[in-house]
Amino acid sequence: MPNPETRQFIERMGLAVERMGLTRTFGRLFGLLMVADRPLSLDEIVERLDVSKASVSTNARACEELGLARRVGVRGDRRDYYEIAPRGTPGRGRRALASPRQAYRNVGLLPVHG
């Protein structure tokens, strides 16, 4: 399980993204992928966010369509895994959420000027 600061970041990302018109789960998923040290399976995301698999699947696909996340394979495992997309990945929402620094600012974890 993430430490308290990481959990707070994930929750704040959910709220910030919700204010932008997307779902809170979308924001929490994006926040989780931002802090993950490796690609995560849908099952791992479900467990960490404590939401339904259907919701995670829907929002992971949306993150992928917007160019914010990408689906990857893990050798020896047939499941899909997700990770933050590298900079420059095309997507309609890439500019809005692309910068981790800006994301931290959006959720109040970094000052606006700095």
PDB file of N, CA and C in Angstrom:
ATOM      1  N   MET A   1       0.840  -1.194   0.000  1.00  0.00           N
ATOM      2  CA  MET A   1       0.000   0.000   0.000  1.00  0.00           C
ATOM      3  C   MET A   1       0.880   1.250   0.000  1.00  0.00           C
ATOM      4  N   PRO A   2       0.421   2.289  -0.675  1.00  0.00           N
ATOM      5  CA  PRO A   2       1.188   3.537  -0.701  1.00  0.00           C
ATOM      6  C   PRO A   2       1.242   4.175   0.690  1.00  0.00           C
ATOM      7  N   ASN A   3       2.284   4.977   0.902  1.00  0.00           N
ATOM      8  CA  ASN A   3       2.401   5.699   2.164  1.00  0.00           C
ATOM      9  C   ASN A   3       1.345   6.816   2.217  1.00  0.00           C
ATOM     10  N   PRO A   4       1.141   7.445   3.363  1.00  0.00           N
ATOM     11  CA  PRO A   4       0.086   8.467   3.488  1.00  0.00           C
ATOM     12  C   PRO A   4       0.231   9.634   2.514  1.00  0.00           C
ATOM     13  N   GLU A   5       1.456  10.083   2.261  1.00  0.00           N
ATOM     14  CA  GLU A   5       1.655  11.201   1.331  1.00  0.00           C
ATOM     15  C   GLU A   5       1.261  10.809  -0.087  1.00  0.00           C
ATOM     16  N   THR A   6       1.598   9.592  -0.467  1.00  0.00           N
ATOM     17  CA  THR A   6       1.247   9.108  -1.804  1.00  0.00           C
ATOM     18  C   THR A   6      -0.257   8.940  -1.927  1.00  0.00           C
ATOM     19  N   ARG A   7      -0.892   8.386  -0.904  1.00  0.00           N
ATOM     20  CA  ARG A   7      -2.357   8.243  -0.925  1.00  0.00           C
ATOM     21  C   ARG A   7      -3.018   9.612  -1.040  1.00  0.00           C
ATOM     22  N   GLN A   8      -2.486  10.595  -0.318  1.00  0.00           N
ATOM     23  CA  GLN A   8      -3.035  11.953  -0.378  1.00  0.00           C
ATOM     24  C   GLN A   8      -2.884  12.522  -1.792  1.00  0.00           C
ATOM     25  N   PHE A   9      -1.722  12.313  -2.402  1.00  0.00           N
ATOM     26  CA  PHE A   9      -1.517  12.783  -3.765  1.00  0.00           C
ATOM     27  C   PHE A   9      -2.531  12.155  -4.716  1.00  0.00           C
ATOM     28  N   ILE A  10      -2.723  10.844  -4.611  1.00  0.00           N
ATOM     29  CA  ILE A  10      -3.658  10.130  -5.484  1.00  0.00           C
ATOM     30  C   ILE A  10      -5.071  10.680  -5.309  1.00  0.00           C
ATOM     31  N   GLU A  11      -5.475  10.896  -4.069  1.00  0.00           N
ATOM     32  CA  GLU A  11      -6.819  11.429  -3.806  1.00  0.00           C
ATOM     33  C   GLU A  11      -6.949  12.851  -4.333  1.00  0.00           C
ATOM     34  N   ARG A  12      -5.926  13.662  -4.142  1.00  0.00           N
ATOM     35  CA  ARG A  12      -5.976  15.042  -4.652  1.00  0.00           C
ATOM     36  C   ARG A  12      -6.006  15.084  -6.170  1.00  0.00           C
ATOM     37  N   MET A  13      -5.305  14.155  -6.807  1.00  0.00           N
ATOM     38  CA  MET A  13      -5.361  14.075  -8.268  1.00  0.00           C
ATOM     39  C   MET A  13      -6.789  13.760  -8.707  1.00  0.00           C
ATOM     40  N   GLY A  14      -7.442  12.874  -7.974  1.00  0.00           N
ATOM     41  CA  GLY A  14      -8.831  12.561  -8.295  1.00  0.00           C
ATOM     42  C   GLY A  14      -9.711  13.788  -8.234  1.00  0.00           C
ATOM     43  N   LEU A  15      -9.559  14.582  -7.191  1.00  0.00           N
ATOM     44  CA  LEU A  15     -10.363  15.797  -7.032  1.00  0.00           C
ATOM     45  C   LEU A  15     -10.024  16.839  -8.091  1.00  0.00           C
ATOM     46  N   ALA A  16      -8.729  17.004  -8.380  1.00  0.00           N
ATOM     47  CA  ALA A  16      -8.313  17.997  -9.377  1.00  0.00           C
ATOM     48  C   ALA A  16      -8.843  17.646 -10.761  1.00  0.00           C
ATOM     49  N   VAL A  17      -8.737  16.390 -11.121  1.00  0.00           N
ATOM     50  CA  VAL A  17      -9.201  15.959 -12.442  1.00  0.00           C
ATOM     51  C   VAL A  17     -10.723  16.015 -12.518  1.00  0.00           C
ATOM     52  N   GLU A  18     -11.378  15.731 -11.415  1.00  0.00           N
ATOM     53  CA  GLU A  18     -12.841  15.833 -11.375  1.00  0.00           C
ATOM     54  C   GLU A  18     -13.274  17.275 -11.654  1.00  0.00           C
ATOM     55  N   ARG A  19     -12.534  18.239 -11.122  1.00  0.00           N
ATOM     56  CA  ARG A  19     -12.849  19.655 -11.382  1.00  0.00           C
ATOM     57  C   ARG A  19     -12.645  20.014 -12.849  1.00  0.00           C
ATOM     58  N   MET A  20     -11.841  19.226 -13.553  1.00  0.00           N
ATOM     59  CA  MET A  20     -11.599  19.464 -14.977  1.00  0.00           C
ATOM     60  C   MET A  20     -12.678  18.805 -15.843  1.00  0.00           C
ATOM     61  N   GLY A  21     -13.613  18.117 -15.210  1.00  0.00           N
ATOM     62  CA  GLY A  21     -14.718  17.526 -15.956  1.00  0.00           C
ATOM     63  C   GLY A  21     -14.613  16.035 -16.197  1.00  0.00           C
ATOM     64  N   LEU A  22     -13.557  15.393 -15.705  1.00  0.00           N
ATOM     65  CA  LEU A  22     -13.425  13.954 -15.842  1.00  0.00           C
ATOM     66  C   LEU A  22     -13.832  13.310 -14.523  1.00  0.00           C
ATOM     67  N   THR A  23     -13.810  11.994 -14.468  1.00  0.00           N
ATOM     68  CA  THR A  23     -14.242  11.326 -13.247  1.00  0.00           C
ATOM     69  C   THR A  23     -13.133  11.327 -12.199  1.00  0.00           C
ATOM     70  N   ARG A  24     -13.533  11.252 -10.951  1.00  0.00           N
ATOM     71  CA  ARG A  24     -12.570  11.178  -9.862  1.00  0.00           C
ATOM     72  C   ARG A  24     -11.715   9.919  -9.996  1.00  0.00           C
ATOM     73  N   THR A  25     -12.332   8.814 -10.405  1.00  0.00           N
ATOM     74  CA  THR A  25     -11.572   7.577 -10.582  1.00  0.00           C
ATOM     75  C   THR A  25     -10.511   7.743 -11.659  1.00  0.00           C
ATOM     76  N   PHE A  26     -10.839   8.442 -12.723  1.00  0.00           N
ATOM     77  CA  PHE A  26      -9.862   8.727 -13.778  1.00  0.00           C
ATOM     78  C   PHE A  26      -8.658   9.435 -13.168  1.00  0.00           C
ATOM     79  N   GLY A  27      -8.901  10.458 -12.375  1.00  0.00           N
ATOM     80  CA  GLY A  27      -7.815  11.212 -11.759  1.00  0.00           C
ATOM     81  C   GLY A  27      -7.008  10.384 -10.776  1.00  0.00           C
ATOM     82  N   ARG A  28      -7.699   9.568  -9.995  1.00  0.00           N
ATOM     83  CA  ARG A  28      -6.996   8.712  -9.033  1.00  0.00           C
ATOM     84  C   ARG A  28      -6.129   7.692  -9.773  1.00  0.00           C
ATOM     85  N   LEU A  29      -6.663   7.130 -10.845  1.00  0.00           N
ATOM     86  CA  LEU A  29      -5.904   6.169 -11.649  1.00  0.00           C
ATOM     87  C   LEU A  29      -4.674   6.843 -12.241  1.00  0.00           C
ATOM     88  N   PHE A  30      -4.850   8.015 -12.814  1.00  0.00           N
ATOM     89  CA  PHE A  30      -3.726   8.747 -13.392  1.00  0.00           C
ATOM     90  C   PHE A  30      -2.691   9.065 -12.310  1.00  0.00           C
ATOM     91  N   GLY A  31      -3.145   9.509 -11.147  1.00  0.00           N
ATOM     92  CA  GLY A  31      -2.233   9.792 -10.041  1.00  0.00           C
ATOM     93  C   GLY A  31      -1.464   8.556  -9.610  1.00  0.00           C
ATOM     94  N   LEU A  32      -2.163   7.429  -9.519  1.00  0.00           N
ATOM     95  CA  LEU A  32      -1.502   6.179  -9.140  1.00  0.00           C
ATOM     96  C   LEU A  32      -0.434   5.798 -10.158  1.00  0.00           C
ATOM     97  N   LEU A  33      -0.756   5.908 -11.432  1.00  0.00           N
ATOM     98  CA  LEU A  33       0.221   5.569 -12.464  1.00  0.00           C
ATOM     99  C   LEU A  33       1.422   6.512 -12.423  1.00  0.00           C
ATOM    100  N   MET A  34       1.188   7.764 -12.053  1.00  0.00           N
ATOM    101  CA  MET A  34       2.286   8.732 -11.959  1.00  0.00           C
ATOM    102  C   MET A  34       3.309   8.336 -10.901  1.00  0.00           C
ATOM    103  N   VAL A  35       2.845   7.762  -9.809  1.00  0.00           N
ATOM    104  CA  VAL A  35       3.758   7.440  -8.706  1.00  0.00           C
ATOM    105  C   VAL A  35       4.212   5.977  -8.714  1.00  0.00           C
ATOM    106  N   ALA A  36       3.641   5.175  -9.588  1.00  0.00           N
ATOM    107  CA  ALA A  36       4.009   3.752  -9.637  1.00  0.00           C
ATOM    108  C   ALA A  36       5.435   3.596 -10.159  1.00  0.00           C
ATOM    109  N   ASP A  37       6.168   2.669  -9.577  1.00  0.00           N
ATOM    110  CA  ASP A  37       7.552   2.442 -10.001  1.00  0.00           C
ATOM    111  C   ASP A  37       7.651   1.362 -11.073  1.00  0.00           C
ATOM    112  N   ARG A  38       6.502   0.849 -11.510  1.00  0.00           N
ATOM    113  CA  ARG A  38       6.464  -0.170 -12.553  1.00  0.00           C
ATOM    114  C   ARG A  38       5.049  -0.201 -13.121  1.00  0.00           C
ATOM    115  N   PRO A  39       4.867  -0.826 -14.279  1.00  0.00           N
ATOM    116  CA  PRO A  39       3.501  -0.967 -14.813  1.00  0.00           C
ATOM    117  C   PRO A  39       2.634  -1.775 -13.847  1.00  0.00           C
ATOM    118  N   LEU A  40       1.345  -1.422 -13.792  1.00  0.00           N
ATOM    119  CA  LEU A  40       0.401  -2.081 -12.896  1.00  0.00           C
ATOM    120  C   LEU A  40      -0.684  -2.782 -13.692  1.00  0.00           C
ATOM    121  N   SER A  41      -1.072  -3.972 -13.242  1.00  0.00           N
ATOM    122  CA  SER A  41      -2.188  -4.696 -13.871  1.00  0.00           C
ATOM    123  C   SER A  41      -3.508  -4.081 -13.401  1.00  0.00           C
ATOM    124  N   LEU A  42      -4.568  -4.387 -14.131  1.00  0.00           N
ATOM    125  CA  LEU A  42      -5.884  -3.909 -13.711  1.00  0.00           C
ATOM    126  C   LEU A  42      -6.207  -4.388 -12.294  1.00  0.00           C
ATOM    127  N   ASP A  43      -5.867  -5.636 -11.990  1.00  0.00           N
ATOM    128  CA  ASP A  43      -6.141  -6.173 -10.653  1.00  0.00           C
ATOM    129  C   ASP A  43      -5.395  -5.401  -9.566  1.00  0.00           C
ATOM    130  N   GLU A  44      -4.151  -5.035  -9.834  1.00  0.00           N
ATOM    131  CA  GLU A  44      -3.384  -4.258  -8.861  1.00  0.00           C
ATOM    132  C   GLU A  44      -3.986  -2.865  -8.661  1.00  0.00           C
ATOM    133  N   ILE A  45      -4.440  -2.269  -9.751  1.00  0.00           N
ATOM    134  CA  ILE A  45      -5.058  -0.942  -9.662  1.00  0.00           C
ATOM    135  C   ILE A  45      -6.356  -1.026  -8.875  1.00  0.00           C
ATOM    136  N   VAL A  46      -7.163  -2.051  -9.150  1.00  0.00           N
ATOM    137  CA  VAL A  46      -8.414  -2.268  -8.410  1.00  0.00           C
ATOM    138  C   VAL A  46      -8.125  -2.349  -6.914  1.00  0.00           C
ATOM    139  N   GLU A  47      -7.130  -3.138  -6.553  1.00  0.00           N
ATOM    140  CA  GLU A  47      -6.790  -3.328  -5.143  1.00  0.00           C
ATOM    141  C   GLU A  47      -6.312  -2.023  -4.500  1.00  0.00           C
ATOM    142  N   ARG A  48      -5.474  -1.277  -5.192  1.00  0.00           N
ATOM    143  CA  ARG A  48      -4.902  -0.057  -4.613  1.00  0.00           C
ATOM    144  C   ARG A  48      -5.903   1.080  -4.524  1.00  0.00           C
ATOM    145  N   LEU A  49      -6.836   1.145  -5.488  1.00  0.00           N
ATOM    146  CA  LEU A  49      -7.819   2.234  -5.473  1.00  0.00           C
ATOM    147  C   LEU A  49      -9.131   1.835  -4.809  1.00  0.00           C
ATOM    148  N   ASP A  50      -9.329   0.538  -4.592  1.00  0.00           N
ATOM    149  CA  ASP A  50     -10.560   0.028  -3.987  1.00  0.00           C
ATOM    150  C   ASP A  50     -11.792   0.471  -4.769  1.00  0.00           C
ATOM    151  N   VAL A  51     -11.745   0.232  -6.077  1.00  0.00           N
ATOM    152  CA  VAL A  51     -12.875   0.507  -6.970  1.00  0.00           C
ATOM    153  C   VAL A  51     -13.110  -0.728  -7.831  1.00  0.00           C
ATOM    154  N   SER A  52     -14.215  -0.736  -8.571  1.00  0.00           N
ATOM    155  CA  SER A  52     -14.556  -1.913  -9.365  1.00  0.00           C
ATOM    156  C   SER A  52     -13.613  -2.085 -10.554  1.00  0.00           C
ATOM    157  N   LYS A  53     -13.478  -3.323 -10.987  1.00  0.00           N
ATOM    158  CA  LYS A  53     -12.629  -3.617 -12.137  1.00  0.00           C
ATOM    159  C   LYS A  53     -13.188  -2.968 -13.402  1.00  0.00           C
ATOM    160  N   ALA A  54     -14.511  -2.920 -13.520  1.00  0.00           N
ATOM    161  CA  ALA A  54     -15.132  -2.287 -14.690  1.00  0.00           C
ATOM    162  C   ALA A  54     -14.758  -0.805 -14.748  1.00  0.00           C
ATOM    163  N   SER A  55     -14.798  -0.137 -13.607  1.00  0.00           N
ATOM    164  CA  SER A  55     -14.443   1.276 -13.556  1.00  0.00           C
ATOM    165  C   SER A  55     -12.979   1.488 -13.905  1.00  0.00           C
ATOM    166  N   VAL A  56     -12.103   0.652 -13.373  1.00  0.00           N
ATOM    167  CA  VAL A  56     -10.674   0.759 -13.671  1.00  0.00           C
ATOM    168  C   VAL A  56     -10.434   0.513 -15.156  1.00  0.00           C
ATOM    169  N   SER A  57     -11.059  -0.491 -15.715  1.00  0.00           N
ATOM    170  CA  SER A  57     -10.885  -0.810 -17.126  1.00  0.00           C
ATOM    171  C   SER A  57     -11.326   0.354 -18.008  1.00  0.00           C
ATOM    172  N   THR A  58     -12.489   0.900 -17.724  1.00  0.00           N
ATOM    173  CA  THR A  58     -13.018   2.027 -18.491  1.00  0.00           C
ATOM    174  C   THR A  58     -12.094   3.232 -18.404  1.00  0.00           C
ATOM    175  N   ASN A  59     -11.660   3.562 -17.204  1.00  0.00           N
ATOM    176  CA  ASN A  59     -10.819   4.743 -17.013  1.00  0.00           C
ATOM    177  C   ASN A  59      -9.400   4.529 -17.517  1.00  0.00           C
ATOM    178  N   ALA A  60      -8.881   3.312 -17.458  1.00  0.00           N
ATOM    179  CA  ALA A  60      -7.557   3.023 -18.017  1.00  0.00           C
ATOM    180  C   ALA A  60      -7.590   3.209 -19.535  1.00  0.00           C
ATOM    181  N   ARG A  61      -8.660   2.733 -20.162  1.00  0.00           N
ATOM    182  CA  ARG A  61      -8.794   2.930 -21.612  1.00  0.00           C
ATOM    183  C   ARG A  61      -8.892   4.414 -21.947  1.00  0.00           C
ATOM    184  N   ALA A  62      -9.617   5.175 -21.133  1.00  0.00           N
ATOM    185  CA  ALA A  62      -9.735   6.614 -21.363  1.00  0.00           C
ATOM    186  C   ALA A  62      -8.375   7.299 -21.220  1.00  0.00           C
ATOM    187  N   CYS A  63      -7.608   6.917 -20.214  1.00  0.00           N
ATOM    188  CA  CYS A  63      -6.248   7.469 -20.047  1.00  0.00           C
ATOM    189  C   CYS A  63      -5.397   7.150 -21.272  1.00  0.00           C
ATOM    190  N   GLU A  64      -5.549   5.948 -21.757  1.00  0.00           N
ATOM    191  CA  GLU A  64      -4.789   5.530 -22.942  1.00  0.00           C
ATOM    192  C   GLU A  64      -5.215   6.341 -24.168  1.00  0.00           C
ATOM    193  N   GLU A  65      -6.515   6.517 -24.364  1.00  0.00           N
ATOM    194  CA  GLU A  65      -7.025   7.267 -25.512  1.00  0.00           C
ATOM    195  C   GLU A  65      -6.578   8.725 -25.486  1.00  0.00           C
ATOM    196  N   LEU A  66      -6.429   9.280 -24.282  1.00  0.00           N
ATOM    197  CA  LEU A  66      -5.987  10.669 -24.154  1.00  0.00           C
ATOM    198  C   LEU A  66      -4.465  10.819 -24.220  1.00  0.00           C
ATOM    199  N   GLY A  67      -3.767   9.701 -24.324  1.00  0.00           N
ATOM    200  CA  GLY A  67      -2.315   9.759 -24.427  1.00  0.00           C
ATOM    201  C   GLY A  67      -1.618   9.924 -23.098  1.00  0.00           C
ATOM    202  N   LEU A  68      -2.321   9.695 -22.000  1.00  0.00           N
ATOM    203  CA  LEU A  68      -1.741   9.874 -20.672  1.00  0.00           C
ATOM    204  C   LEU A  68      -1.147   8.588 -20.120  1.00  0.00           C
ATOM    205  N   ALA A  69      -1.622   7.459 -20.605  1.00  0.00           N
ATOM    206  CA  ALA A  69      -1.140   6.156 -20.156  1.00  0.00           C
ATOM    207  C   ALA A  69      -0.995   5.270 -21.385  1.00  0.00           C
ATOM    208  N   ARG A  70      -0.237   4.220 -21.193  1.00  0.00           N
ATOM    209  CA  ARG A  70      -0.148   3.248 -22.285  1.00  0.00           C
ATOM    210  C   ARG A  70      -0.244   1.841 -21.712  1.00  0.00           C
ATOM    211  N   ARG A  71      -0.793   0.967 -22.524  1.00  0.00           N
ATOM    212  CA  ARG A  71      -0.941  -0.444 -22.164  1.00  0.00           C
ATOM    213  C   ARG A  71       0.331  -1.159 -22.585  1.00  0.00           C
ATOM    214  N   VAL A  72       0.858  -1.968 -21.691  1.00  0.00           N
ATOM    215  CA  VAL A  72       2.086  -2.703 -21.980  1.00  0.00           C
ATOM    216  C   VAL A  72       1.911  -4.152 -21.565  1.00  0.00           C
ATOM    217  N   GLY A  73       2.737  -4.993 -22.111  1.00  0.00           N
ATOM    218  CA  GLY A  73       2.746  -6.393 -21.723  1.00  0.00           C
ATOM    219  C   GLY A  73       3.912  -6.682 -20.787  1.00  0.00           C
ATOM    220  N   VAL A  74       3.753  -7.716 -20.016  1.00  0.00           N
ATOM    221  CA  VAL A  74       4.819  -8.184 -19.140  1.00  0.00           C
ATOM    222  C   VAL A  74       5.127  -9.615 -19.562  1.00  0.00           C
ATOM    223  N   ARG A  75       6.362  -9.871 -19.826  1.00  0.00           N
ATOM    224  CA  ARG A  75       6.771 -11.191 -20.307  1.00  0.00           C
ATOM    225  C   ARG A  75       6.283 -12.290 -19.369  1.00  0.00           C
ATOM    226  N   GLY A  76       5.660 -13.306 -19.953  1.00  0.00           N
ATOM    227  CA  GLY A  76       5.177 -14.441 -19.178  1.00  0.00           C
ATOM    228  C   GLY A  76       3.808 -14.221 -18.550  1.00  0.00           C
ATOM    229  N   ASP A  77       3.187 -13.082 -18.810  1.00  0.00           N
ATOM    230  CA  ASP A  77       1.878 -12.753 -18.223  1.00  0.00           C
ATOM    231  C   ASP A  77       0.979 -12.241 -19.337  1.00  0.00           C
ATOM    232  N   ARG A  78      -0.204 -12.811 -19.446  1.00  0.00           N
ATOM    233  CA  ARG A  78      -1.111 -12.429 -20.534  1.00  0.00           C
ATOM    234  C   ARG A  78      -1.969 -11.218 -20.200  1.00  0.00           C
ATOM    235  N   ARG A  79      -1.911 -10.757 -18.972  1.00  0.00           N
ATOM    236  CA  ARG A  79      -2.732  -9.606 -18.581  1.00  0.00           C
ATOM    237  C   ARG A  79      -2.179  -8.312 -19.168  1.00  0.00           C
ATOM    238  N   ASP A  80      -3.058  -7.323 -19.264  1.00  0.00           N
ATOM    239  CA  ASP A  80      -2.633  -5.987 -19.667  1.00  0.00           C
ATOM    240  C   ASP A  80      -2.148  -5.238 -18.437  1.00  0.00           C
ATOM    241  N   TYR A  81      -1.101  -4.464 -18.640  1.00  0.00           N
ATOM    242  CA  TYR A  81      -0.547  -3.604 -17.606  1.00  0.00           C
ATOM    243  C   TYR A  81      -0.574  -2.173 -18.136  1.00  0.00           C
ATOM    244  N   TYR A  82      -0.627  -1.223 -17.222  1.00  0.00           N
ATOM    245  CA  TYR A  82      -0.658   0.185 -17.611  1.00  0.00           C
ATOM    246  C   TYR A  82       0.456   0.941 -16.916  1.00  0.00           C
ATOM    247  N   GLU A  83       0.990   1.913 -17.652  1.00  0.00           N
ATOM    248  CA  GLU A  83       2.003   2.799 -17.104  1.00  0.00           C
ATOM    249  C   GLU A  83       1.773   4.194 -17.677  1.00  0.00           C
ATOM    250  N   ILE A  84       2.383   5.171 -17.045  1.00  0.00           N
ATOM    251  CA  ILE A  84       2.300   6.541 -17.544  1.00  0.00           C
ATOM    252  C   ILE A  84       2.927   6.550 -18.928  1.00  0.00           C
ATOM    253  N   ALA A  85       2.316   7.257 -19.858  1.00  0.00           N
ATOM    254  CA  ALA A  85       2.848   7.336 -21.219  1.00  0.00           C
ATOM    255  C   ALA A  85       4.067   8.252 -21.235  1.00  0.00           C
ATOM    256  N   PRO A  86       5.039   7.930 -22.059  1.00  0.00           N
ATOM    257  CA  PRO A  86       6.200   8.822 -22.169  1.00  0.00           C
ATOM    258  C   PRO A  86       5.790  10.149 -22.786  1.00  0.00           C
ATOM    259  N   ARG A  87       6.534  11.176 -22.461  1.00  0.00           N
ATOM    260  CA  ARG A  87       6.250  12.495 -23.056  1.00  0.00           C
ATOM    261  C   ARG A  87       6.291  12.373 -24.572  1.00  0.00           C
ATOM    262  N   GLY A  88       5.426  13.120 -25.210  1.00  0.00           N
ATOM    263  CA  GLY A  88       5.384  13.109 -26.658  1.00  0.00           C
ATOM    264  C   GLY A  88       4.414  12.103 -27.238  1.00  0.00           C
ATOM    265  N   THR A  89       3.789  11.290 -26.376  1.00  0.00           N
ATOM    266  CA  THR A  89       2.794  10.355 -26.875  1.00  0.00           C
ATOM    267  C   THR A  89       1.582  11.153 -27.326  1.00  0.00           C
ATOM    268  N   PRO A  90       1.120  10.933 -28.556  1.00  0.00           N
ATOM    269  CA  PRO A  90      -0.026  11.703 -29.026  1.00  0.00           C
ATOM    270  C   PRO A  90      -1.280  11.387 -28.215  1.00  0.00           C
ATOM    271  N   GLY A  91      -2.100  12.389 -28.045  1.00  0.00           N
ATOM    272  CA  GLY A  91      -3.366  12.204 -27.348  1.00  0.00           C
ATOM    273  C   GLY A  91      -4.051  13.541 -27.164  1.00  0.00           C
ATOM    274  N   ARG A  92      -5.362  13.507 -27.156  1.00  0.00           N
ATOM    275  CA  ARG A  92      -6.131  14.745 -27.073  1.00  0.00           C
ATOM    276  C   ARG A  92      -5.930  15.492 -25.766  1.00  0.00           C
ATOM    277  N   GLY A  93      -5.729  14.805 -24.667  1.00  0.00           N
ATOM    278  CA  GLY A  93      -5.623  15.477 -23.380  1.00  0.00           C
ATOM    279  C   GLY A  93      -4.212  15.567 -22.852  1.00  0.00           C
ATOM    280  N   ARG A  94      -3.259  15.249 -23.661  1.00  0.00           N
ATOM    281  CA  ARG A  94      -1.873  15.168 -23.197  1.00  0.00           C
ATOM    282  C   ARG A  94      -1.393  16.477 -22.581  1.00  0.00           C
ATOM    283  N   ARG A  95      -1.679  17.601 -23.233  1.00  0.00           N
ATOM    284  CA  ARG A  95      -1.186  18.871 -22.709  1.00  0.00           C
ATOM    285  C   ARG A  95      -1.807  19.238 -21.379  1.00  0.00           C
ATOM    286  N   ALA A  96      -3.049  18.902 -21.175  1.00  0.00           N
ATOM    287  CA  ALA A  96      -3.750  19.294 -19.952  1.00  0.00           C
ATOM    288  C   ALA A  96      -3.165  18.642 -18.709  1.00  0.00           C
ATOM    289  N   LEU A  97      -2.680  17.421 -18.813  1.00  0.00           N
ATOM    290  CA  LEU A  97      -2.222  16.690 -17.642  1.00  0.00           C
ATOM    291  C   LEU A  97      -0.805  16.140 -17.788  1.00  0.00           C
ATOM    292  N   ALA A  98      -0.094  16.524 -18.834  1.00  0.00           N
ATOM    293  CA  ALA A  98       1.162  15.863 -19.166  1.00  0.00           C
ATOM    294  C   ALA A  98       2.278  16.086 -18.159  1.00  0.00           C
ATOM    295  N   SER A  99       2.390  17.249 -17.610  1.00  0.00           N
ATOM    296  CA  SER A  99       3.527  17.552 -16.761  1.00  0.00           C
ATOM    297  C   SER A  99       3.296  17.099 -15.327  1.00  0.00           C
ATOM    298  N   PRO A 100       4.106  16.162 -14.838  1.00  0.00           N
ATOM    299  CA  PRO A 100       3.965  15.767 -13.436  1.00  0.00           C
ATOM    300  C   PRO A 100       4.111  16.968 -12.504  1.00  0.00           C
ATOM    301  N   ARG A 101       5.011  17.900 -12.841  1.00  0.00           N
ATOM    302  CA  ARG A 101       5.190  19.104 -12.019  1.00  0.00           C
ATOM    303  C   ARG A 101       3.887  19.897 -11.963  1.00  0.00           C
ATOM    304  N   GLN A 102       3.234  20.057 -13.127  1.00  0.00           N
ATOM    305  CA  GLN A 102       1.970  20.777 -13.157  1.00  0.00           C
ATOM    306  C   GLN A 102       0.897  20.013 -12.390  1.00  0.00           C
ATOM    307  N   ALA A 103       0.894  18.714 -12.492  1.00  0.00           N
ATOM    308  CA  ALA A 103      -0.080  17.906 -11.759  1.00  0.00           C
ATOM    309  C   ALA A 103       0.090  18.110 -10.254  1.00  0.00           C
ATOM    310  N   TYR A 104       1.336  18.126  -9.792  1.00  0.00           N
ATOM    311  CA  TYR A 104       1.575  18.362  -8.368  1.00  0.00           C
ATOM    312  C   TYR A 104       1.079  19.751  -7.973  1.00  0.00           C
ATOM    313  N   ARG A 105       1.296  20.740  -8.843  1.00  0.00           N
ATOM    314  CA  ARG A 105       0.772  22.093  -8.568  1.00  0.00           C
ATOM    315  C   ARG A 105      -0.754  22.076  -8.512  1.00  0.00           C
ATOM    316  N   ASN A 106      -1.372  21.369  -9.451  1.00  0.00           N
ATOM    317  CA  ASN A 106      -2.830  21.333  -9.524  1.00  0.00           C
ATOM    318  C   ASN A 106      -3.466  20.774  -8.264  1.00  0.00           C
ATOM    319  N   VAL A 107      -2.771  19.889  -7.599  1.00  0.00           N
ATOM    320  CA  VAL A 107      -3.358  19.291  -6.393  1.00  0.00           C
ATOM    321  C   VAL A 107      -2.790  19.919  -5.118  1.00  0.00           C
ATOM    322  N   GLY A 108      -2.059  21.014  -5.271  1.00  0.00           N
ATOM    323  CA  GLY A 108      -1.608  21.758  -4.110  1.00  0.00           C
ATOM    324  C   GLY A 108      -0.375  21.211  -3.423  1.00  0.00           C
ATOM    325  N   LEU A 109       0.415  20.393  -4.108  1.00  0.00           N
ATOM    326  CA  LEU A 109       1.609  19.845  -3.493  1.00  0.00           C
ATOM    327  C   LEU A 109       2.880  20.581  -3.907  1.00  0.00           C
ATOM    328  N   LEU A 110       2.763  21.529  -4.830  1.00  0.00           N
ATOM    329  CA  LEU A 110       3.883  22.402  -5.210  1.00  0.00           C
ATOM    330  C   LEU A 110       3.349  23.816  -5.302  1.00  0.00           C
ATOM    331  N   PRO A 111       4.186  24.812  -5.012  1.00  0.00           N
ATOM    332  CA  PRO A 111       3.733  26.197  -5.177  1.00  0.00           C
ATOM    333  C   PRO A 111       3.483  26.506  -6.647  1.00  0.00           C
ATOM    334  N   VAL A 112       2.630  27.475  -6.907  1.00  0.00           N
ATOM    335  CA  VAL A 112       2.288  27.844  -8.283  1.00  0.00           C
ATOM    336  C   VAL A 112       3.497  28.383  -9.018  1.00  0.00           C
ATOM    337  N   HIS A 113       4.344  29.146  -8.348  1.00  0.00           N
ATOM    338  CA  HIS A 113       5.550  29.727  -8.988  1.00  0.00           C
ATOM    339  C   HIS A 113       6.779  29.033  -8.452  1.00  0.00           C
ATOM    340  N   GLY A 114       7.348  28.113  -9.210  1.00  0.00           N
ATOM    341  CA  GLY A 114       8.559  27.483  -8.700  1.00  0.00           C
ATOM    342  C   GLY A 114       8.945  26.243  -9.383  1.00  0.00           C
TER     343      GLY A 114
END
